[in-house]
C-alpha atoms as a PDB file:
ATOM      1  CA  MET A   1     169.268 142.541  14.233  1.00  0.00           C
ATOM      2  CA  PRO A   2     170.635 143.560  10.800  1.00  0.00           C
ATOM      3  CA  ALA A   3     174.386 143.370  10.463  1.00  0.00           C
ATOM      4  CA  PRO A   4     176.145 146.736  10.259  1.00  0.00           C
ATOM      5  CA  LEU A   5     177.830 147.694   7.018  1.00  0.00           C
ATOM      6  CA  PHE A   6     181.585 147.431   6.916  1.00  0.00           C
ATOM      7  CA  ILE A   7     182.906 150.450   5.045  1.00  0.00           C
ATOM      8  CA  SER A   8     186.539 150.080   4.078  1.00  0.00           C
ATOM      9  CA  GLU A   9     189.166 152.707   3.384  1.00  0.00           C
ATOM     10  CA  ALA A  10     188.716 151.940  -0.312  1.00  0.00           C
ATOM     11  CA  ASP A  11     184.956 152.515  -0.019  1.00  0.00           C
ATOM     12  CA  CYS A  12     185.568 155.903   1.600  1.00  0.00           C
ATOM     13  CA  ARG A  13     188.002 156.931  -1.120  1.00  0.00           C
ATOM     14  CA  ARG A  14     185.468 155.905  -3.754  1.00  0.00           C
ATOM     15  CA  VAL A  15     182.346 157.597  -2.406  1.00  0.00           C
ATOM     16  CA  LEU A  16     183.704 160.747  -0.758  1.00  0.00           C
ATOM     17  CA  GLY A  17     184.714 163.762  -2.806  1.00  0.00           C
ATOM     18  CA  VAL A  18     186.248 167.018  -1.663  1.00  0.00           C
ATOM     19  CA  ALA A  19     182.803 168.653  -1.471  1.00  0.00           C
ATOM     20  CA  ASP A  20     181.509 165.781   0.707  1.00  0.00           C
ATOM     21  CA  VAL A  21     184.286 166.202   3.244  1.00  0.00           C
ATOM     22  CA  ILE A  22     183.967 169.987   3.330  1.00  0.00           C
ATOM     23  CA  GLY A  23     180.180 169.771   3.593  1.00  0.00           C
ATOM     24  CA  ALA A  24     180.304 167.327   6.502  1.00  0.00           C
ATOM     25  CA  ILE A  25     182.768 169.569   8.336  1.00  0.00           C
ATOM     26  CA  GLU A  26     180.816 172.776   7.785  1.00  0.00           C
ATOM     27  CA  ASP A  27     177.477 171.203   8.750  1.00  0.00           C
ATOM     28  CA  THR A  28     178.938 169.769  11.952  1.00  0.00           C
ATOM     29  CA  LEU A  29     180.725 172.941  13.054  1.00  0.00           C
ATOM     30  CA  LEU A  30     177.514 174.905  12.524  1.00  0.00           C
ATOM     31  CA  ALA A  31     175.552 172.281  14.465  1.00  0.00           C
ATOM     32  CA  ASP A  32     178.073 172.427  17.309  1.00  0.00           C
ATOM     33  CA  ALA A  33     177.558 176.177  17.599  1.00  0.00           C
ATOM     34  CA  GLU A  34     173.830 175.552  18.139  1.00  0.00           C
ATOM     35  CA  GLY A  35     174.251 172.719  20.664  1.00  0.00           C
ATOM     36  CA  GLY A  36     173.863 169.948  18.091  1.00  0.00           C
ATOM     37  CA  VAL A  37     176.848 167.927  19.329  1.00  0.00           C
ATOM     38  CA  ARG A  38     176.699 165.906  22.548  1.00  0.00           C
ATOM     39  CA  TRP A  39     180.040 164.769  23.898  1.00  0.00           C
ATOM     40  CA  SER A  40     180.984 161.754  25.961  1.00  0.00           C
ATOM     41  CA  GLU A  41     182.254 162.090  29.502  1.00  0.00           C
ATOM     42  CA  PRO A  42     185.195 162.017  29.647  1.00  0.00           C
ATOM     43  CA  ARG A  43     185.816 163.438  26.185  1.00  0.00           C
ATOM     44  CA  ASN A  44     188.862 161.189  25.658  1.00  0.00           C
ATOM     45  CA  MET A  45     189.510 157.865  27.360  1.00  0.00           C
ATOM     46  CA  LYS A  46     193.166 156.825  27.170  1.00  0.00           C
ATOM     47  CA  MET A  47     195.184 153.785  28.116  1.00  0.00           C
ATOM     48  CA  ALA A  48     198.462 152.061  27.251  1.00  0.00           C
ATOM     49  CA  ASP A  49     199.656 148.459  27.344  1.00  0.00           C
ATOM     50  CA  ARG A  50     202.945 146.803  28.310  1.00  0.00           C
ATOM     51  CA  LEU A  51     204.169 147.115  24.727  1.00  0.00           C
ATOM     52  CA  SER A  52     203.725 150.910  24.891  1.00  0.00           C
ATOM     53  CA  ASN A  53     200.838 150.886  22.439  1.00  0.00           C
ATOM     54  CA  HIS A  54     198.439 153.770  23.010  1.00  0.00           C
ATOM     55  CA  TYR A  55     194.630 153.594  22.846  1.00  0.00           C
ATOM     56  CA  HIS A  56     192.138 156.472  22.613  1.00  0.00           C
ATOM     57  CA  LEU A  57     188.358 156.237  22.704  1.00  0.00           C
ATOM     58  CA  LYS A  58     186.047 159.167  21.955  1.00  0.00           C
ATOM     59  CA  ALA A  59     182.316 159.359  21.353  1.00  0.00           C
ATOM     60  CA  CYS A  60     179.628 161.881  20.470  1.00  0.00           C
ATOM     61  CA  VAL A  61     176.083 162.236  19.172  1.00  0.00           C
ATOM     62  CA  LEU A  62     175.449 164.521  16.197  1.00  0.00           C
ATOM     63  CA  GLU A  63     172.184 166.229  15.371  1.00  0.00           C
ATOM     64  CA  VAL A  64     173.072 167.981  12.139  1.00  0.00           C
ATOM     65  CA  ALA A  65     170.944 170.073   9.788  1.00  0.00           C
ATOM     66  CA  SER A  66     172.279 169.965   6.237  1.00  0.00           C
ATOM     67  CA  LYS A  67     172.652 173.051   4.043  1.00  0.00           C
ATOM     68  CA  THR A  68     170.783 171.138   1.360  1.00  0.00           C
ATOM     69  CA  GLY A  69     167.793 170.588   3.630  1.00  0.00           C
ATOM     70  CA  GLY A  70     166.770 167.959   6.142  1.00  0.00           C
ATOM     71  CA  SER A  71     168.612 166.741   9.205  1.00  0.00           C
ATOM     72  CA  ALA A  72     170.242 163.593  10.489  1.00  0.00           C
ATOM     73  CA  ALA A  73     171.184 162.191  13.856  1.00  0.00           C
ATOM     74  CA  VAL A  74     173.912 159.663  14.460  1.00  0.00           C
ATOM     75  CA  ALA A  75     176.038 158.481  17.349  1.00  0.00           C
ATOM     76  CA  GLY A  76     179.652 157.576  16.802  1.00  0.00           C
ATOM     77  CA  VAL A  77     182.345 155.859  18.831  1.00  0.00           C
ATOM     78  CA  ARG A  78     185.899 156.374  17.607  1.00  0.00           C
ATOM     79  CA  LEU A  79     188.753 154.020  18.478  1.00  0.00           C
ATOM     80  CA  VAL A  80     192.368 154.849  17.718  1.00  0.00           C
ATOM     81  CA  ALA A  81     195.293 152.596  18.581  1.00  0.00           C
ATOM     82  CA  HIS A  82     198.893 153.234  17.629  1.00  0.00           C
ATOM     83  CA  GLN A  83     202.406 152.293  18.586  1.00  0.00           C
ATOM     84  CA  SER A  84     204.427 154.663  20.743  1.00  0.00           C
ATOM     85  CA  ASP A  85     206.446 155.602  17.671  1.00  0.00           C
ATOM     86  CA  GLU A  86     203.702 157.113  15.509  1.00  0.00           C
ATOM     87  CA  SER A  87     206.149 157.671  12.660  1.00  0.00           C
ATOM     88  CA  THR A  88     205.791 153.982  11.736  1.00  0.00           C
ATOM     89  CA  GLY A  89     202.323 154.711  10.399  1.00  0.00           C
ATOM     90  CA  SER A  90     200.966 151.555  12.039  1.00  0.00           C
ATOM     91  CA  ALA A  91     197.596 152.411  13.541  1.00  0.00           C
ATOM     92  CA  THR A  92     193.978 151.353  13.930  1.00  0.00           C
ATOM     93  CA  ARG A  93     191.329 153.966  13.214  1.00  0.00           C
ATOM     94  CA  TRP A  94     187.735 152.741  13.391  1.00  0.00           C
ATOM     95  CA  ILE A  95     184.396 154.439  13.891  1.00  0.00           C
ATOM     96  CA  VAL A  96     181.232 152.618  14.909  1.00  0.00           C
ATOM     97  CA  LEU A  97     178.115 154.486  13.770  1.00  0.00           C
ATOM     98  CA  ILE A  98     174.911 153.931  15.760  1.00  0.00           C
ATOM     99  CA  ASP A  99     171.321 154.899  14.994  1.00  0.00           C
ATOM    100  CA  PRO A 100     170.070 156.908  18.024  1.00  0.00           C
ATOM    101  CA  ALA A 101     166.461 155.966  17.220  1.00  0.00           C
ATOM    102  CA  THR A 102     167.111 152.247  17.748  1.00  0.00           C
ATOM    103  CA  ALA A 103     170.540 152.097  19.465  1.00  0.00           C
ATOM    104  CA  LEU A 104     171.518 149.603  16.745  1.00  0.00           C
ATOM    105  CA  PRO A 105     174.779 149.772  14.792  1.00  0.00           C
ATOM    106  CA  LEU A 106     174.700 151.218  11.290  1.00  0.00           C
ATOM    107  CA  ALA A 107     178.272 150.719  10.169  1.00  0.00           C
ATOM    108  CA  ILE A 108     181.871 150.105  11.084  1.00  0.00           C
ATOM    109  CA  VAL A 109     184.022 152.566   9.158  1.00  0.00           C
ATOM    110  CA  ASP A 110     187.750 152.375   8.533  1.00  0.00           C
ATOM    111  CA  GLU A 111     188.671 156.051   8.810  1.00  0.00           C
ATOM    112  CA  THR A 112     192.349 155.783   7.882  1.00  0.00           C
ATOM    113  CA  TRP A 113     191.858 157.874   4.740  1.00  0.00           C
ATOM    114  CA  ASN A 114     189.033 159.966   6.206  1.00  0.00           C
ATOM    115  CA  TYR A 115     191.236 161.058   9.114  1.00  0.00           C
ATOM    116  CA  THR A 116     193.824 162.583   6.804  1.00  0.00           C
ATOM    117  CA  GLN A 117     191.152 164.407   4.823  1.00  0.00           C
ATOM    118  CA  ARG A 118     189.335 165.745   7.877  1.00  0.00           C
ATOM    119  CA  THR A 119     192.524 166.877   9.577  1.00  0.00           C
ATOM    120  CA  VAL A 120     193.577 169.250   6.808  1.00  0.00           C
ATOM    121  CA  ALA A 121     190.180 170.075   5.316  1.00  0.00           C
ATOM    122  CA  VAL A 122     188.961 171.756   8.497  1.00  0.00           C
ATOM    123  CA  MET A 123     192.030 174.010   8.481  1.00  0.00           C
ATOM    124  CA  ALA A 124     191.312 175.104   4.922  1.00  0.00           C
ATOM    125  CA  VAL A 125     187.623 175.680   5.737  1.00  0.00           C
ATOM    126  CA  VAL A 126     188.384 177.906   8.740  1.00  0.00           C
ATOM    127  CA  ALA A 127     191.266 179.675   6.966  1.00  0.00           C
ATOM    128  CA  ARG A 128     188.866 180.529   4.123  1.00  0.00           C
ATOM    129  CA  LYS A 129     186.495 182.142   6.602  1.00  0.00           C
ATOM    130  CA  LEU A 130     189.307 184.183   8.174  1.00  0.00           C
ATOM    131  CA  ALA A 131     191.443 185.045   5.139  1.00  0.00           C
ATOM    132  CA  ALA A 132     191.996 188.630   4.095  1.00  0.00           C
ATOM    133  CA  PRO A 133     190.892 189.519   0.543  1.00  0.00           C
ATOM    134  CA  THR A 134     193.654 189.509  -2.063  1.00  0.00           C
ATOM    135  CA  GLY A 135     191.756 190.612  -5.166  1.00  0.00           C
ATOM    136  CA  ALA A 136     193.280 189.556  -8.457  1.00  0.00           C
ATOM    137  CA  ALA A 137     196.633 188.864  -6.810  1.00  0.00           C
ATOM    138  CA  GLY A 138     195.505 185.473  -5.499  1.00  0.00           C
ATOM    139  CA  HIS A 139     196.939 183.684  -2.495  1.00  0.00           C
ATOM    140  CA  THR A 140     200.385 182.403  -1.626  1.00  0.00           C
ATOM    141  CA  LEU A 141     200.505 179.280   0.538  1.00  0.00           C
ATOM    142  CA  GLY A 142     203.545 178.547   2.675  1.00  0.00           C
ATOM    143  CA  LEU A 143     203.428 174.839   3.464  1.00  0.00           C
ATOM    144  CA  VAL A 144     205.681 173.451   6.195  1.00  0.00           C
ATOM    145  CA  GLY A 145     205.801 169.672   5.866  1.00  0.00           C
ATOM    146  CA  ALA A 146     205.731 167.400   2.850  1.00  0.00           C
ATOM    147  CA  GLY A 147     204.120 164.210   4.103  1.00  0.00           C
ATOM    148  CA  ARG A 148     200.674 162.684   3.715  1.00  0.00           C
ATOM    149  CA  LEU A 149     198.877 165.550   5.468  1.00  0.00           C
ATOM    150  CA  ALA A 150     200.639 168.208   3.421  1.00  0.00           C
ATOM    151  CA  ALA A 151     199.772 166.463   0.168  1.00  0.00           C
ATOM    152  CA  ALA A 152     196.105 166.252   1.141  1.00  0.00           C
ATOM    153  CA  ALA A 153     196.121 169.871   2.298  1.00  0.00           C
ATOM    154  CA  LEU A 154     197.006 171.069  -1.190  1.00  0.00           C
ATOM    155  CA  THR A 155     193.784 169.540  -2.495  1.00  0.00           C
ATOM    156  CA  TYR A 156     191.592 171.459  -0.054  1.00  0.00           C
ATOM    157  CA  TYR A 157     193.440 174.768  -0.156  1.00  0.00           C
ATOM    158  CA  ARG A 158     193.355 174.617  -3.942  1.00  0.00           C
ATOM    159  CA  HIS A 159     189.600 173.920  -3.837  1.00  0.00           C
ATOM    160  CA  LEU A 160     188.810 176.820  -1.500  1.00  0.00           C
ATOM    161  CA  PHE A 161     191.377 179.423  -2.573  1.00  0.00           C
ATOM    162  CA  ASP A 162     192.724 180.927  -5.759  1.00  0.00           C
ATOM    163  CA  LEU A 163     196.300 179.778  -5.156  1.00  0.00           C
ATOM    164  CA  LYS A 164     198.862 181.660  -7.225  1.00  0.00           C
ATOM    165  CA  ASP A 165     201.977 180.298  -5.521  1.00  0.00           C
ATOM    166  CA  VAL A 166     202.864 177.430  -3.199  1.00  0.00           C
ATOM    167  CA  ARG A 167     206.179 177.206  -1.352  1.00  0.00           C
ATOM    168  CA  ILE A 168     207.007 173.935   0.390  1.00  0.00           C
ATOM    169  CA  ALA A 169     209.598 173.373   3.119  1.00  0.00           C
ATOM    170  CA  SER A 170     210.459 170.116   4.882  1.00  0.00           C
ATOM    171  CA  ARG A 171     213.413 168.511   6.605  1.00  0.00           C
ATOM    172  CA  ARG A 172     214.261 166.365   3.594  1.00  0.00           C
ATOM    173  CA  GLU A 173     214.995 167.796   0.178  1.00  0.00           C
ATOM    174  CA  VAL A 174     213.647 164.717  -1.568  1.00  0.00           C
ATOM    175  CA  THR A 175     210.189 164.936   0.059  1.00  0.00           C
ATOM    176  CA  ARG A 176     209.636 168.632  -0.543  1.00  0.00           C
ATOM    177  CA  GLY A 177     210.866 168.299  -4.096  1.00  0.00           C
ATOM    178  CA  ALA A 178     208.533 165.383  -4.759  1.00  0.00           C
ATOM    179  CA  LEU A 179     205.513 167.205  -3.359  1.00  0.00           C
ATOM    180  CA  ALA A 180     206.305 170.339  -5.358  1.00  0.00           C
ATOM    181  CA  ARG A 181     206.481 168.257  -8.538  1.00  0.00           C
ATOM    182  CA  GLN A 182     203.181 166.573  -7.679  1.00  0.00           C
ATOM    183  CA  ALA A 183     201.562 169.955  -7.094  1.00  0.00           C
ATOM    184  CA  ARG A 184     202.781 171.204 -10.473  1.00  0.00           C
ATOM    185  CA  ASP A 185     202.137 168.071 -12.535  1.00  0.00           C
ATOM    186  CA  GLU A 186     198.867 166.837 -11.020  1.00  0.00           C
ATOM    187  CA  MET A 187     197.250 170.036  -9.715  1.00  0.00           C
ATOM    188  CA  GLY A 188     198.590 172.666 -12.073  1.00  0.00           C
ATOM    189  CA  LEU A 189     199.890 174.778  -9.202  1.00  0.00           C
ATOM    190  CA  ARG A 190     202.914 177.062  -9.362  1.00  0.00           C
ATOM    191  CA  ALA A 191     204.811 175.257  -6.611  1.00  0.00           C
ATOM    192  CA  VAL A 192     208.445 175.314  -5.542  1.00  0.00           C
ATOM    193  CA  ALA A 193     210.468 173.495  -2.910  1.00  0.00           C
ATOM    194  CA  VAL A 194     212.471 175.808  -0.643  1.00  0.00           C
ATOM    195  CA  ALA A 195     215.348 175.140   1.725  1.00  0.00           C
ATOM    196  CA  SER A 196     214.005 176.724   4.922  1.00  0.00           C
ATOM    197  CA  VAL A 197     210.782 177.312   6.814  1.00  0.00           C
ATOM    198  CA  ARG A 198     211.403 181.042   6.612  1.00  0.00           C
ATOM    199  CA  ASP A 199     211.668 180.873   2.820  1.00  0.00           C
ATOM    200  CA  ALA A 200     208.311 179.086   2.726  1.00  0.00           C
ATOM    201  CA  VAL A 201     206.290 181.361   4.994  1.00  0.00           C
ATOM    202  CA  GLU A 202     207.775 184.853   4.701  1.00  0.00           C
ATOM    203  CA  GLY A 203     205.433 186.952   2.582  1.00  0.00           C
ATOM    204  CA  ALA A 204     202.796 184.188   2.356  1.00  0.00           C
ATOM    205  CA  ASP A 205     199.248 185.162   3.279  1.00  0.00           C
ATOM    206  CA  LEU A 206     198.339 181.524   4.021  1.00  0.00           C
ATOM    207  CA  VAL A 207     200.551 179.248   6.125  1.00  0.00           C
ATOM    208  CA  LEU A 208     199.996 175.656   7.189  1.00  0.00           C
ATOM    209  CA  THR A 209     202.359 173.691   9.419  1.00  0.00           C
ATOM    210  CA  CYS A 210     201.816 169.935   9.429  1.00  0.00           C
ATOM    211  CA  THR A 211     204.946 168.155  10.630  1.00  0.00           C
ATOM    212  CA  SER A 212     205.945 165.717  13.349  1.00  0.00           C
ATOM    213  CA  ALA A 213     208.550 168.113  14.770  1.00  0.00           C
ATOM    214  CA  GLY A 214     206.646 168.758  17.999  1.00  0.00           C
ATOM    215  CA  GLN A 215     208.467 172.064  18.514  1.00  0.00           C
ATOM    216  CA  SER A 216     208.436 175.717  17.549  1.00  0.00           C
ATOM    217  CA  LEU A 217     208.861 176.249  13.800  1.00  0.00           C
ATOM    218  CA  LEU A 218     207.818 179.853  13.171  1.00  0.00           C
ATOM    219  CA  SER A 219     208.877 183.334  14.138  1.00  0.00           C
ATOM    220  CA  ALA A 220     206.494 186.274  14.338  1.00  0.00           C
ATOM    221  CA  ASP A 221     208.961 188.304  12.240  1.00  0.00           C
ATOM    222  CA  TRP A 222     208.320 185.987   9.276  1.00  0.00           C
ATOM    223  CA  ILE A 223     204.535 186.412   9.280  1.00  0.00           C
ATOM    224  CA  GLY A 224     203.233 189.484   7.505  1.00  0.00           C
ATOM    225  CA  PRO A 225     200.088 191.559   8.104  1.00  0.00           C
ATOM    226  CA  GLY A 226     196.871 189.823   7.078  1.00  0.00           C
ATOM    227  CA  ALA A 227     198.296 186.297   7.103  1.00  0.00           C
ATOM    228  CA  VAL A 228     196.347 183.284   8.352  1.00  0.00           C
ATOM    229  CA  VAL A 229     198.614 180.718   9.997  1.00  0.00           C
ATOM    230  CA  ALA A 230     197.139 177.265  10.632  1.00  0.00           C
ATOM    231  CA  SER A 231     198.918 174.653  12.742  1.00  0.00           C
ATOM    232  CA  LEU A 232     198.123 171.015  13.453  1.00  0.00           C
ATOM    233  CA  GLU A 233     200.478 170.939  16.446  1.00  0.00           C
ATOM    234  CA  THR A 234     200.111 173.364  19.349  1.00  0.00           C
ATOM    235  CA  ALA A 235     203.848 173.954  19.732  1.00  0.00           C
ATOM    236  CA  GLU A 236     204.630 174.651  16.066  1.00  0.00           C
ATOM    237  CA  PRO A 237     203.624 178.360  15.889  1.00  0.00           C
ATOM    238  CA  GLY A 238     206.154 179.197  18.608  1.00  0.00           C
ATOM    239  CA  PRO A 239     205.786 181.509  21.617  1.00  0.00           C
ATOM    240  CA  ASP A 240     206.507 184.834  19.906  1.00  0.00           C
ATOM    241  CA  LEU A 241     203.953 184.261  17.138  1.00  0.00           C
ATOM    242  CA  PHE A 242     201.387 182.975  19.631  1.00  0.00           C
ATOM    243  CA  ARG A 243     201.784 186.187  21.639  1.00  0.00           C
ATOM    244  CA  ALA A 244     201.947 188.456  18.586  1.00  0.00           C
ATOM    245  CA  ALA A 245     198.884 187.069  16.777  1.00  0.00           C
ATOM    246  CA  ASP A 246     195.949 189.471  16.669  1.00  0.00           C
ATOM    247  CA  LEU A 247     193.386 186.680  16.675  1.00  0.00           C
ATOM    248  CA  VAL A 248     193.803 183.132  18.042  1.00  0.00           C
ATOM    249  CA  VAL A 249     191.149 180.594  17.024  1.00  0.00           C
ATOM    250  CA  VAL A 250     191.043 176.952  18.143  1.00  0.00           C
ATOM    251  CA  ASP A 251     188.829 173.952  17.501  1.00  0.00           C
ATOM    252  CA  SER A 252     188.126 173.312  21.207  1.00  0.00           C
ATOM    253  CA  ARG A 253     188.986 175.425  24.234  1.00  0.00           C
ATOM    254  CA  GLU A 254     188.529 172.423  26.523  1.00  0.00           C
ATOM    255  CA  GLN A 255     190.721 170.035  24.548  1.00  0.00           C
ATOM    256  CA  LEU A 256     193.532 172.490  23.905  1.00  0.00           C
ATOM    257  CA  LYS A 257     193.719 174.098  27.344  1.00  0.00           C
ATOM    258  CA  PRO A 258     196.371 171.699  28.772  1.00  0.00           C
ATOM    259  CA  GLU A 259     198.553 171.935  25.662  1.00  0.00           C
ATOM    260  CA  LEU A 260     198.319 175.707  25.471  1.00  0.00           C
ATOM    261  CA  GLU A 261     199.319 176.009  29.116  1.00  0.00           C
ATOM    262  CA  SER A 262     202.205 173.600  28.618  1.00  0.00           C
ATOM    263  CA  CYS A 263     203.526 175.364  25.512  1.00  0.00           C
ATOM    264  CA  TYR A 264     202.790 179.011  26.255  1.00  0.00           C
ATOM    265  CA  GLY A 265     202.045 179.456  29.959  1.00  0.00           C
ATOM    266  CA  GLN A 266     199.089 179.433  32.323  1.00  0.00           C
ATOM    267  CA  ASP A 267     197.565 182.552  30.793  1.00  0.00           C
ATOM    268  CA  ALA A 268     197.663 181.178  27.221  1.00  0.00           C
ATOM    269  CA  PRO A 269     194.062 179.851  27.127  1.00  0.00           C
ATOM    270  CA  GLY A 270     192.902 183.396  27.839  1.00  0.00           C
ATOM    271  CA  ARG A 271     194.323 184.527  24.484  1.00  0.00           C
ATOM    272  CA  VAL A 272     191.869 182.311  22.596  1.00  0.00           C
ATOM    273  CA  ALA A 273     189.295 184.583  21.002  1.00  0.00           C
ATOM    274  CA  ALA A 274     186.984 182.040  19.381  1.00  0.00           C
ATOM    275  CA  THR A 275     186.418 178.463  18.296  1.00  0.00           C
ATOM    276  CA  PHE A 276     185.984 177.184  14.756  1.00  0.00           C
ATOM    277  CA  SER A 277     182.262 176.742  15.381  1.00  0.00           C
ATOM    278  CA  GLU A 278     181.813 180.259  16.708  1.00  0.00           C
ATOM    279  CA  VAL A 279     183.543 181.772  13.683  1.00  0.00           C
ATOM    280  CA  LEU A 280     181.662 179.726  11.083  1.00  0.00           C
ATOM    281  CA  ALA A 281     178.310 180.356  12.761  1.00  0.00           C
ATOM    282  CA  GLY A 282     178.923 184.086  13.039  1.00  0.00           C
ATOM    283  CA  LYS A 283     178.881 184.038  16.832  1.00  0.00           C
ATOM    284  CA  HIS A 284     182.315 185.684  16.659  1.00  0.00           C
ATOM    285  CA  PRO A 285     183.104 188.243  13.938  1.00  0.00           C
ATOM    286  CA  GLY A 286     186.432 186.643  13.075  1.00  0.00           C
ATOM    287  CA  ARG A 287     188.773 188.987  11.227  1.00  0.00           C
ATOM    288  CA  THR A 288     187.835 192.628  11.790  1.00  0.00           C
ATOM    289  CA  SER A 289     190.605 194.299   9.776  1.00  0.00           C
ATOM    290  CA  PRO A 290     192.678 193.290   6.730  1.00  0.00           C
ATOM    291  CA  GLY A 291     196.007 193.583   8.548  1.00  0.00           C
ATOM    292  CA  GLN A 292     195.261 191.233  11.440  1.00  0.00           C
ATOM    293  CA  ARG A 293     197.525 188.221  11.800  1.00  0.00           C
ATOM    294  CA  VAL A 294     195.340 185.200  12.554  1.00  0.00           C
ATOM    295  CA  LEU A 295     196.521 181.985  14.211  1.00  0.00           C
ATOM    296  CA  ILE A 296     194.459 178.782  13.925  1.00  0.00           C
ATOM    297  CA  ILE A 297     195.329 175.767  16.091  1.00  0.00           C
ATOM    298  CA  SER A 298     193.639 172.370  15.899  1.00  0.00           C
ATOM    299  CA  GLN A 299     193.970 169.231  17.992  1.00  0.00           C
ATOM    300  CA  GLY A 300     191.159 167.474  16.129  1.00  0.00           C
ATOM    301  CA  LEU A 301     187.475 167.017  16.886  1.00  0.00           C
ATOM    302  CA  ALA A 302     185.977 163.530  17.037  1.00  0.00           C
ATOM    303  CA  SER A 303     182.667 165.058  15.938  1.00  0.00           C
ATOM    304  CA  LEU A 304     184.191 165.779  12.529  1.00  0.00           C
ATOM    305  CA  ASP A 305     185.539 162.239  12.239  1.00  0.00           C
ATOM    306  CA  VAL A 306     182.082 160.869  12.997  1.00  0.00           C
ATOM    307  CA  ALA A 307     180.494 163.299  10.537  1.00  0.00           C
ATOM    308  CA  VAL A 308     182.796 162.301   7.666  1.00  0.00           C
ATOM    309  CA  ALA A 309     182.280 158.601   8.464  1.00  0.00           C
ATOM    310  CA  PHE A 310     178.509 159.144   8.456  1.00  0.00           C
ATOM    311  CA  ARG A 311     178.730 160.938   5.106  1.00  0.00           C
ATOM    312  CA  ALA A 312     180.572 157.882   3.734  1.00  0.00           C
ATOM    313  CA  TYR A 313     177.819 155.647   5.118  1.00  0.00           C
ATOM    314  CA  GLN A 314     175.131 157.776   3.468  1.00  0.00           C
ATOM    315  CA  ARG A 315     176.941 157.747   0.134  1.00  0.00           C
ATOM    316  CA  CYS A 316     177.412 153.978   0.281  1.00  0.00           C
ATOM    317  CA  ARG A 317     173.724 153.466   0.985  1.00  0.00           C
ATOM    318  CA  GLU A 318     172.790 155.772  -1.882  1.00  0.00           C
ATOM    319  CA  SER A 319     175.053 153.987  -4.332  1.00  0.00           C
ATOM    320  CA  GLY A 320     174.101 150.516  -3.120  1.00  0.00           C
ATOM    321  CA  ARG A 321     177.738 149.473  -3.316  1.00  0.00           C
ATOM    322  CA  VAL A 322     179.971 148.610  -0.424  1.00  0.00           C
ATOM    323  CA  GLY A 323     183.250 146.764  -0.774  1.00  0.00           C
ATOM    324  CA  LEU A 324     185.498 146.322  -3.792  1.00  0.00           C
END
């Protein structure tokens, strides 16, 4: 049996560009809408040890047709392990890719970098599909958070939108200031650090919250007509915005149902109008008027992690180089 490739974080950084990550996400969401993703049962296996470390195991099979022609099938098993205090950044994130034709392993992929890219890239992809037109005015992004995810998010929002202004809020002045400088110096964006969440999001037509707060951050009064608000934590939009949003879109009804009920009540899952896959595939019309306020919530789909890992595997095979 041939040994599987080991694809490191450095390999992934080297072979994957912004277009690769976006392409893998779009192809997989479209495939999911047509039944091209098979999920494990249960969807998420969890356990903890005596040291309070947490372990999660997810798996799926992808049968994905590419926009550039052809199709590919791959199975993936994703293992995540982290300490109870996730703020330490200490974690294991591995994906084992398997060839469904032979049931033999293709690669073991360190998805530490991939995970960050996938997490924010999918929000930008779906926001682009649901954004209201701005014409020559361009878009204003209100970014809540200034950590690793926020920094990566700027790359994808900049790629998919004509960003005229970026306003960044975070708990610490030093972090938001540093990210604003990075956005100006390295990306050429007109970015400023602001003192409050309200200052960041009020009047912005694009909003992304990506913090570790685990609580409500937004008020419906701050979000104007036509805005698309994307959140990586279910609680961050807050109850009044969740209720006031004209269109609520999530990555997975099944995965998010318990969190929605916990944050917003037993009837909250009924307010979900569509999934990411349904919107991208045109099975749901998405925005139907320019003034609608749209709320996007994501918990994260293992199918996208597997897809990005598989794209890294394909690129490594094409280049003939693995390891640095």
